[in-house]
C-alpha atoms as a PDB file:
ATOM      1  CA  UNK A   1     -11.761   9.508  -8.104  1.00  0.00           C
ATOM      2  CA  UNK A   2     -11.231   6.086  -9.597  1.00  0.00           C
ATOM      3  CA  UNK A   3      -9.795   7.252 -12.917  1.00  0.00           C
ATOM      4  CA  UNK A   4      -7.573   9.965 -11.432  1.00  0.00           C
ATOM      5  CA  UNK A   5      -6.450   7.689  -8.603  1.00  0.00           C
ATOM      6  CA  UNK A   6      -5.704   4.918 -11.099  1.00  0.00           C
ATOM      7  CA  UNK A   7      -3.312   7.018 -13.181  1.00  0.00           C
ATOM      8  CA  UNK A   8      -1.587   8.471 -10.107  1.00  0.00           C
ATOM      9  CA  UNK A   9      -1.384   4.951  -8.647  1.00  0.00           C
ATOM     10  CA  UNK A  10       0.270   3.586 -11.796  1.00  0.00           C
ATOM     11  CA  UNK A  11       3.053   6.141 -11.439  1.00  0.00           C
ATOM     12  CA  UNK A  12       3.415   5.575  -7.685  1.00  0.00           C
ATOM     13  CA  UNK A  13       3.514   1.773  -8.044  1.00  0.00           C
ATOM     14  CA  UNK A  14       6.067   1.959 -10.855  1.00  0.00           C
ATOM     15  CA  UNK A  15       8.335   4.265  -8.837  1.00  0.00           C
ATOM     16  CA  UNK A  16       8.103   2.545  -5.444  1.00  0.00           C
ATOM     17  CA  UNK A  17       8.359  -1.039  -6.731  1.00  0.00           C
ATOM     18  CA  UNK A  18      10.973  -0.197  -9.371  1.00  0.00           C
ATOM     19  CA  UNK A  19       8.874  -1.943 -12.002  1.00  0.00           C
ATOM     20  CA  UNK A  20       8.641  -5.310 -10.246  1.00  0.00           C
ATOM     21  CA  UNK A  21       4.872  -5.039  -9.785  1.00  0.00           C
ATOM     22  CA  UNK A  22       2.720  -4.182 -12.795  1.00  0.00           C
ATOM     23  CA  UNK A  23      -0.766  -2.643 -12.862  1.00  0.00           C
ATOM     24  CA  UNK A  24      -3.749  -4.097 -14.699  1.00  0.00           C
ATOM     25  CA  UNK A  25      -5.477  -2.065 -17.366  1.00  0.00           C
ATOM     26  CA  UNK A  26      -8.226   0.242 -16.139  1.00  0.00           C
ATOM     27  CA  UNK A  27     -11.095  -1.924 -17.391  1.00  0.00           C
ATOM     28  CA  UNK A  28      -9.421  -5.332 -17.165  1.00  0.00           C
ATOM     29  CA  UNK A  29     -11.689  -8.236 -16.293  1.00  0.00           C
ATOM     30  CA  UNK A  30      -9.800 -10.764 -14.173  1.00  0.00           C
ATOM     31  CA  UNK A  31     -11.537 -13.967 -13.068  1.00  0.00           C
ATOM     32  CA  UNK A  32     -12.054 -14.119  -9.301  1.00  0.00           C
ATOM     33  CA  UNK A  33     -10.418 -17.525  -9.010  1.00  0.00           C
ATOM     34  CA  UNK A  34      -7.085 -16.041 -10.137  1.00  0.00           C
ATOM     35  CA  UNK A  35      -7.055 -13.205  -7.594  1.00  0.00           C
ATOM     36  CA  UNK A  36      -5.036 -13.388  -4.418  1.00  0.00           C
ATOM     37  CA  UNK A  37      -5.175 -11.707  -1.007  1.00  0.00           C
ATOM     38  CA  UNK A  38      -8.699 -10.325  -1.079  1.00  0.00           C
ATOM     39  CA  UNK A  39      -8.689  -9.466  -4.771  1.00  0.00           C
ATOM     40  CA  UNK A  40      -5.829  -6.976  -4.618  1.00  0.00           C
ATOM     41  CA  UNK A  41      -3.454  -8.721  -7.029  1.00  0.00           C
ATOM     42  CA  UNK A  42      -3.001 -11.732  -9.276  1.00  0.00           C
ATOM     43  CA  UNK A  43      -0.203 -13.450 -11.149  1.00  0.00           C
ATOM     44  CA  UNK A  44       0.334 -13.906 -14.860  1.00  0.00           C
ATOM     45  CA  UNK A  45       3.261 -16.206 -15.315  1.00  0.00           C
ATOM     46  CA  UNK A  46       6.008 -14.893 -13.057  1.00  0.00           C
ATOM     47  CA  UNK A  47       4.715 -11.305 -12.917  1.00  0.00           C
ATOM     48  CA  UNK A  48       2.520  -9.781 -10.224  1.00  0.00           C
ATOM     49  CA  UNK A  49      -0.291  -7.478 -11.355  1.00  0.00           C
ATOM     50  CA  UNK A  50      -2.275  -5.182  -9.070  1.00  0.00           C
ATOM     51  CA  UNK A  51      -5.967  -4.904  -9.881  1.00  0.00           C
ATOM     52  CA  UNK A  52      -7.219  -1.555 -11.142  1.00  0.00           C
ATOM     53  CA  UNK A  53      -9.140  -1.032  -7.892  1.00  0.00           C
ATOM     54  CA  UNK A  54      -6.020  -1.503  -5.786  1.00  0.00           C
ATOM     55  CA  UNK A  55      -4.024   0.753  -8.103  1.00  0.00           C
ATOM     56  CA  UNK A  56      -6.671   3.478  -7.738  1.00  0.00           C
ATOM     57  CA  UNK A  57      -6.694   3.047  -3.947  1.00  0.00           C
ATOM     58  CA  UNK A  58      -2.917   3.464  -3.824  1.00  0.00           C
ATOM     59  CA  UNK A  59      -3.215   6.635  -5.915  1.00  0.00           C
ATOM     60  CA  UNK A  60      -5.900   8.147  -3.682  1.00  0.00           C
ATOM     61  CA  UNK A  61      -3.993   7.233  -0.503  1.00  0.00           C
ATOM     62  CA  UNK A  62      -0.852   8.833  -1.948  1.00  0.00           C
ATOM     63  CA  UNK A  63      -2.719  12.085  -2.693  1.00  0.00           C
ATOM     64  CA  UNK A  64      -4.246  12.118   0.803  1.00  0.00           C
ATOM     65  CA  UNK A  65      -0.805  11.622   2.346  1.00  0.00           C
ATOM     66  CA  UNK A  66       0.588  14.483   0.249  1.00  0.00           C
ATOM     67  CA  UNK A  67      -2.214  16.818   1.367  1.00  0.00           C
ATOM     68  CA  UNK A  68      -1.849  15.842   5.032  1.00  0.00           C
ATOM     69  CA  UNK A  69       1.937  16.185   4.821  1.00  0.00           C
ATOM     70  CA  UNK A  70       1.662  19.597   3.190  1.00  0.00           C
ATOM     71  CA  UNK A  71      -0.789  20.719   5.847  1.00  0.00           C
ATOM     72  CA  UNK A  72       1.500  19.503   8.635  1.00  0.00           C
ATOM     73  CA  UNK A  73       4.516  21.268   7.143  1.00  0.00           C
ATOM     74  CA  UNK A  74       2.494  24.466   6.789  1.00  0.00           C
ATOM     75  CA  UNK A  75       1.071  24.201  10.301  1.00  0.00           C
ATOM     76  CA  UNK A  76       4.382  23.351  12.008  1.00  0.00           C
ATOM     77  CA  UNK A  77       6.385  26.092  10.280  1.00  0.00           C
ATOM     78  CA  UNK A  78       3.887  28.838  11.154  1.00  0.00           C
END
């Protein structure tokens, strides 16, 4: 799920933030002292980068919301 969620999350983050927030590489190693807000993001210069774990979580949550939304639309229109 991590790899698939990561690539879906990259697309979702790019679309919803209009490119203001970047995503780390899949296997990036960021020192813990640089991470902010529970290890979900960090800064490099003026840019904000989401960690690969957070990017994957966003991707998986997006897919779950799509499935639940599709099920609700199907159920309510029947």
